[in-house]
Amino acid sequence: MDTTTYLLETSFPLVWILIAVIGAAIRTRRSPSRAAALETWQRWWAVAALGCGSLWMVFAFLGAPEVMAETIGFTRSPFEFEIAFANLGLAVMGFRAASAKATARERITVGLGAGMFLWGAFIGHVYQWFAAGDHAPGNTGGVLVCDLLFPAVMIALAVRSTRQAPVLV
């Protein structure tokens, strides 16, 4: 695999972060308040990064399991089917967190739930990188950034929104 192909493959997952950031930045240019802007950022992150990013993984792992296994540096196994449905759960949670009715507390919970899977995947990728020398494009690079940031940013934005919310007595 040449360097350009490797860089494209390893960087592809970052497209979901890019979509979320660009979408939220454009949408909040004329936001009426900081609270409204924060809400927009939370919804874009939930739908584009966690929701669509995870849904893409569902289609990839179900539609091309051999390719995905090779991209990660593994051989084909039932693992691809299981990962597809784990990502379906993340996508559903992301789309729910993007709902106008989702609360900050619910978004924190979604972020924590996503984090349990994605941070565990991050640890697994790093382990395979160092223990097995797995430098496959789906094991290093963009996937590591996404595994860390998808849940962390969701949690951080939701926590920030709880701090801006007025206290009701």
C-alpha atoms as a PDB file:
ATOM      1  CA  MET A   1       0.000   0.000   0.000  1.00  0.00           C
ATOM      2  CA  ASP A   2       1.459   3.367  -0.959  1.00  0.00           C
ATOM      3  CA  THR A   3       1.675   6.274   1.470  1.00  0.00           C
ATOM      4  CA  THR A   4      -1.163   8.282  -0.100  1.00  0.00           C
ATOM      5  CA  THR A   5      -3.578   5.343   0.015  1.00  0.00           C
ATOM      6  CA  TYR A   6      -2.595   4.602   3.609  1.00  0.00           C
ATOM      7  CA  LEU A   7      -3.129   8.227   4.656  1.00  0.00           C
ATOM      8  CA  LEU A   8      -6.528   8.372   2.949  1.00  0.00           C
ATOM      9  CA  GLU A   9      -7.693   5.129   4.530  1.00  0.00           C
ATOM     10  CA  THR A  10      -6.450   5.949   8.020  1.00  0.00           C
ATOM     11  CA  SER A  11      -7.861   9.497   7.863  1.00  0.00           C
ATOM     12  CA  PHE A  12     -11.330   8.638   6.550  1.00  0.00           C
ATOM     13  CA  PRO A  13     -13.027   8.310   9.987  1.00  0.00           C
ATOM     14  CA  LEU A  14     -12.137  11.953  10.650  1.00  0.00           C
ATOM     15  CA  VAL A  15     -14.709  12.995   8.043  1.00  0.00           C
ATOM     16  CA  TRP A  16     -17.445  12.601  10.693  1.00  0.00           C
ATOM     17  CA  ILE A  17     -15.677  15.016  13.036  1.00  0.00           C
ATOM     18  CA  LEU A  18     -15.177  17.424  10.154  1.00  0.00           C
ATOM     19  CA  ILE A  19     -18.868  17.296   9.208  1.00  0.00           C
ATOM     20  CA  ALA A  20     -19.923  17.899  12.817  1.00  0.00           C
ATOM     21  CA  VAL A  21     -17.556  20.837  13.283  1.00  0.00           C
ATOM     22  CA  ILE A  22     -18.312  22.502   9.950  1.00  0.00           C
ATOM     23  CA  GLY A  23     -22.064  21.963  10.309  1.00  0.00           C
ATOM     24  CA  ALA A  24     -22.166  23.360  13.844  1.00  0.00           C
ATOM     25  CA  ALA A  25     -19.880  26.281  12.979  1.00  0.00           C
ATOM     26  CA  ILE A  26     -22.040  27.306  10.026  1.00  0.00           C
ATOM     27  CA  ARG A  27     -25.285  26.824  11.937  1.00  0.00           C
ATOM     28  CA  THR A  28     -24.137  28.883  14.941  1.00  0.00           C
ATOM     29  CA  ARG A  29     -22.762  31.890  13.026  1.00  0.00           C
ATOM     30  CA  ARG A  30     -25.847  33.911  13.930  1.00  0.00           C
ATOM     31  CA  SER A  31     -26.935  32.051  17.023  1.00  0.00           C
ATOM     32  CA  PRO A  32     -29.149  34.135  19.321  1.00  0.00           C
ATOM     33  CA  SER A  33     -27.329  33.058  22.498  1.00  0.00           C
ATOM     34  CA  ARG A  34     -24.481  30.971  23.862  1.00  0.00           C
ATOM     35  CA  ALA A  35     -26.978  28.421  25.158  1.00  0.00           C
ATOM     36  CA  ALA A  36     -28.534  28.091  21.689  1.00  0.00           C
ATOM     37  CA  ALA A  37     -25.094  27.723  20.117  1.00  0.00           C
ATOM     38  CA  LEU A  38     -24.110  25.063  22.652  1.00  0.00           C
ATOM     39  CA  GLU A  39     -27.327  23.163  21.927  1.00  0.00           C
ATOM     40  CA  THR A  40     -26.537  23.282  18.207  1.00  0.00           C
ATOM     41  CA  TRP A  41     -23.011  21.993  18.792  1.00  0.00           C
ATOM     42  CA  GLN A  42     -24.336  19.121  20.908  1.00  0.00           C
ATOM     43  CA  ARG A  43     -26.884  18.128  18.293  1.00  0.00           C
ATOM     44  CA  TRP A  44     -24.422  18.301  15.388  1.00  0.00           C
ATOM     45  CA  TRP A  45     -21.874  16.261  17.343  1.00  0.00           C
ATOM     46  CA  ALA A  46     -24.477  13.672  18.293  1.00  0.00           C
ATOM     47  CA  VAL A  47     -25.937  13.250  14.812  1.00  0.00           C
ATOM     48  CA  ALA A  48     -22.855  13.637  12.596  1.00  0.00           C
ATOM     49  CA  ALA A  49     -19.992  12.257  14.687  1.00  0.00           C
ATOM     50  CA  LEU A  50     -21.594   9.595  16.877  1.00  0.00           C
ATOM     51  CA  GLY A  51     -24.778   8.882  14.899  1.00  0.00           C
ATOM     52  CA  CYS A  52     -23.633   8.927  11.271  1.00  0.00           C
ATOM     53  CA  GLY A  53     -20.079   7.840  12.080  1.00  0.00           C
ATOM     54  CA  SER A  54     -21.407   4.759  13.860  1.00  0.00           C
ATOM     55  CA  LEU A  55     -24.051   4.074  11.208  1.00  0.00           C
ATOM     56  CA  TRP A  56     -21.343   4.166   8.556  1.00  0.00           C
ATOM     57  CA  MET A  57     -19.487   1.473  10.521  1.00  0.00           C
ATOM     58  CA  VAL A  58     -22.659  -0.661  10.590  1.00  0.00           C
ATOM     59  CA  PHE A  59     -22.894  -0.580   6.793  1.00  0.00           C
ATOM     60  CA  ALA A  60     -19.154  -1.130   6.371  1.00  0.00           C
ATOM     61  CA  PHE A  61     -18.955  -4.101   8.746  1.00  0.00           C
ATOM     62  CA  LEU A  62     -22.130  -5.756   7.426  1.00  0.00           C
ATOM     63  CA  GLY A  63     -21.578  -4.938   3.751  1.00  0.00           C
ATOM     64  CA  ALA A  64     -17.858  -5.570   3.436  1.00  0.00           C
ATOM     65  CA  PRO A  65     -16.716  -7.617   6.430  1.00  0.00           C
ATOM     66  CA  GLU A  66     -13.650  -8.999   4.638  1.00  0.00           C
ATOM     67  CA  VAL A  67     -12.495  -5.497   3.711  1.00  0.00           C
ATOM     68  CA  MET A  68     -13.096  -4.196   7.237  1.00  0.00           C
ATOM     69  CA  ALA A  69     -11.212  -7.105   8.806  1.00  0.00           C
ATOM     70  CA  GLU A  70      -8.281  -6.455   6.477  1.00  0.00           C
ATOM     71  CA  THR A  71      -8.445  -2.709   7.127  1.00  0.00           C
ATOM     72  CA  ILE A  72      -8.110  -3.350  10.857  1.00  0.00           C
ATOM     73  CA  GLY A  73      -5.361  -5.900  10.324  1.00  0.00           C
ATOM     74  CA  PHE A  74      -7.356  -8.970  11.360  1.00  0.00           C
ATOM     75  CA  THR A  75      -8.599 -12.065   9.596  1.00  0.00           C
ATOM     76  CA  ARG A  76     -12.316 -12.505   8.955  1.00  0.00           C
ATOM     77  CA  SER A  77     -14.312 -13.718  11.980  1.00  0.00           C
ATOM     78  CA  PRO A  78     -17.721 -13.269  13.664  1.00  0.00           C
ATOM     79  CA  PHE A  79     -16.152 -10.134  15.181  1.00  0.00           C
ATOM     80  CA  GLU A  80     -17.269  -8.014  12.195  1.00  0.00           C
ATOM     81  CA  PHE A  81     -20.937  -8.913  12.713  1.00  0.00           C
ATOM     82  CA  GLU A  82     -20.725  -8.133  16.417  1.00  0.00           C
ATOM     83  CA  ILE A  83     -18.990  -4.799  15.829  1.00  0.00           C
ATOM     84  CA  ALA A  84     -21.649  -3.853  13.272  1.00  0.00           C
ATOM     85  CA  PHE A  85     -24.409  -4.253  15.844  1.00  0.00           C
ATOM     86  CA  ALA A  86     -22.442  -2.573  18.622  1.00  0.00           C
ATOM     87  CA  ASN A  87     -22.116   0.392  16.264  1.00  0.00           C
ATOM     88  CA  LEU A  88     -25.844   0.244  15.521  1.00  0.00           C
ATOM     89  CA  GLY A  89     -26.437   0.754  19.240  1.00  0.00           C
ATOM     90  CA  LEU A  90     -24.078   3.745  19.207  1.00  0.00           C
ATOM     91  CA  ALA A  91     -25.846   5.196  16.162  1.00  0.00           C
ATOM     92  CA  VAL A  92     -29.258   4.885  17.805  1.00  0.00           C
ATOM     93  CA  MET A  93     -27.917   6.560  20.953  1.00  0.00           C
ATOM     94  CA  GLY A  94     -26.324   9.324  18.874  1.00  0.00           C
ATOM     95  CA  PHE A  95     -29.544  10.021  16.977  1.00  0.00           C
ATOM     96  CA  ARG A  96     -31.497  10.078  20.244  1.00  0.00           C
ATOM     97  CA  ALA A  97     -28.981  12.510  21.751  1.00  0.00           C
ATOM     98  CA  ALA A  98     -29.490  14.768  18.712  1.00  0.00           C
ATOM     99  CA  SER A  99     -33.195  15.039  19.472  1.00  0.00           C
ATOM    100  CA  ALA A 100     -34.519  18.412  20.579  1.00  0.00           C
ATOM    101  CA  LYS A 101     -36.026  16.638  23.595  1.00  0.00           C
ATOM    102  CA  ALA A 102     -32.719  15.123  24.749  1.00  0.00           C
ATOM    103  CA  THR A 103     -31.497  16.542  28.037  1.00  0.00           C
ATOM    104  CA  ALA A 104     -27.921  17.255  29.016  1.00  0.00           C
ATOM    105  CA  ARG A 105     -28.117  14.384  31.488  1.00  0.00           C
ATOM    106  CA  GLU A 106     -29.241  12.037  28.724  1.00  0.00           C
ATOM    107  CA  ARG A 107     -26.401  13.241  26.494  1.00  0.00           C
ATOM    108  CA  ILE A 108     -23.883  12.643  29.272  1.00  0.00           C
ATOM    109  CA  THR A 109     -25.258   9.115  29.646  1.00  0.00           C
ATOM    110  CA  VAL A 110     -25.035   8.538  25.879  1.00  0.00           C
ATOM    111  CA  GLY A 111     -21.459   9.833  25.916  1.00  0.00           C
ATOM    112  CA  LEU A 112     -20.543   7.527  28.790  1.00  0.00           C
ATOM    113  CA  GLY A 113     -22.191   4.547  27.108  1.00  0.00           C
ATOM    114  CA  ALA A 114     -20.392   5.272  23.848  1.00  0.00           C
ATOM    115  CA  GLY A 115     -17.180   5.799  25.785  1.00  0.00           C
ATOM    116  CA  MET A 116     -17.314   2.360  27.362  1.00  0.00           C
ATOM    117  CA  PHE A 117     -17.262   0.772  23.915  1.00  0.00           C
ATOM    118  CA  LEU A 118     -15.089   3.276  22.029  1.00  0.00           C
ATOM    119  CA  TRP A 119     -12.499   3.818  24.760  1.00  0.00           C
ATOM    120  CA  GLY A 120     -12.221   0.042  25.109  1.00  0.00           C
ATOM    121  CA  ALA A 121     -11.739  -0.159  21.338  1.00  0.00           C
ATOM    122  CA  PHE A 122      -9.083   2.552  21.601  1.00  0.00           C
ATOM    123  CA  ILE A 123      -7.187   0.499  24.195  1.00  0.00           C
ATOM    124  CA  GLY A 124      -7.503  -2.580  21.979  1.00  0.00           C
ATOM    125  CA  HIS A 125      -6.208  -0.715  18.920  1.00  0.00           C
ATOM    126  CA  VAL A 126      -3.224   0.676  20.816  1.00  0.00           C
ATOM    127  CA  TYR A 127      -2.472  -2.747  22.278  1.00  0.00           C
ATOM    128  CA  GLN A 128      -2.541  -4.345  18.822  1.00  0.00           C
ATOM    129  CA  TRP A 129      -0.391  -1.522  17.483  1.00  0.00           C
ATOM    130  CA  PHE A 130       2.385  -2.079  20.014  1.00  0.00           C
ATOM    131  CA  ALA A 131       2.016  -5.765  20.925  1.00  0.00           C
ATOM    132  CA  ALA A 132       1.404  -7.105  17.426  1.00  0.00           C
ATOM    133  CA  GLY A 133       2.850  -4.331  15.265  1.00  0.00           C
ATOM    134  CA  ASP A 134      -0.570  -3.775  13.677  1.00  0.00           C
ATOM    135  CA  HIS A 135      -0.201  -0.570  11.681  1.00  0.00           C
ATOM    136  CA  ALA A 136      -3.201  -1.264   9.441  1.00  0.00           C
ATOM    137  CA  PRO A 137      -5.083   1.932   8.501  1.00  0.00           C
ATOM    138  CA  GLY A 138      -8.168   0.840  10.464  1.00  0.00           C
ATOM    139  CA  ASN A 139      -6.150   0.176  13.597  1.00  0.00           C
ATOM    140  CA  THR A 140      -4.159   3.407  13.863  1.00  0.00           C
ATOM    141  CA  GLY A 141      -4.637   7.036  12.911  1.00  0.00           C
ATOM    142  CA  GLY A 142      -8.113   8.459  12.482  1.00  0.00           C
ATOM    143  CA  VAL A 143      -9.918   5.636  14.231  1.00  0.00           C
ATOM    144  CA  LEU A 144      -7.962   6.366  17.415  1.00  0.00           C
ATOM    145  CA  VAL A 145      -8.943  10.050  17.292  1.00  0.00           C
ATOM    146  CA  CYS A 146     -12.605   9.140  16.751  1.00  0.00           C
ATOM    147  CA  ASP A 147     -12.607   6.488  19.484  1.00  0.00           C
ATOM    148  CA  LEU A 148     -11.350   9.085  21.944  1.00  0.00           C
ATOM    149  CA  LEU A 149     -13.239  12.171  20.802  1.00  0.00           C
ATOM    150  CA  PHE A 150     -16.732  10.940  19.884  1.00  0.00           C
ATOM    151  CA  PRO A 151     -17.716  10.251  23.514  1.00  0.00           C
ATOM    152  CA  ALA A 152     -15.378  12.781  25.176  1.00  0.00           C
ATOM    153  CA  VAL A 153     -16.697  15.761  23.231  1.00  0.00           C
ATOM    154  CA  MET A 154     -20.303  14.650  23.728  1.00  0.00           C
ATOM    155  CA  ILE A 155     -19.744  14.467  27.481  1.00  0.00           C
ATOM    156  CA  ALA A 156     -17.842  17.776  27.622  1.00  0.00           C
ATOM    157  CA  LEU A 157     -20.515  19.663  25.666  1.00  0.00           C
ATOM    158  CA  ALA A 158     -23.310  18.201  27.791  1.00  0.00           C
ATOM    159  CA  VAL A 159     -21.494  18.985  31.049  1.00  0.00           C
ATOM    160  CA  ARG A 160     -20.937  22.532  29.849  1.00  0.00           C
ATOM    161  CA  SER A 161     -24.623  22.903  29.070  1.00  0.00           C
ATOM    162  CA  THR A 162     -25.541  21.784  32.602  1.00  0.00           C
ATOM    163  CA  ARG A 163     -23.336  24.541  33.965  1.00  0.00           C
ATOM    164  CA  GLN A 164     -25.072  27.164  31.788  1.00  0.00           C
ATOM    165  CA  ALA A 165     -28.576  26.010  32.593  1.00  0.00           C
ATOM    166  CA  PRO A 166     -30.480  28.119  35.086  1.00  0.00           C
ATOM    167  CA  VAL A 167     -31.072  26.480  38.433  1.00  0.00           C
ATOM    168  CA  LEU A 168     -34.764  25.876  39.022  1.00  0.00           C
ATOM    169  CA  VAL A 169     -35.937  25.763  42.595  1.00  0.00           C
END
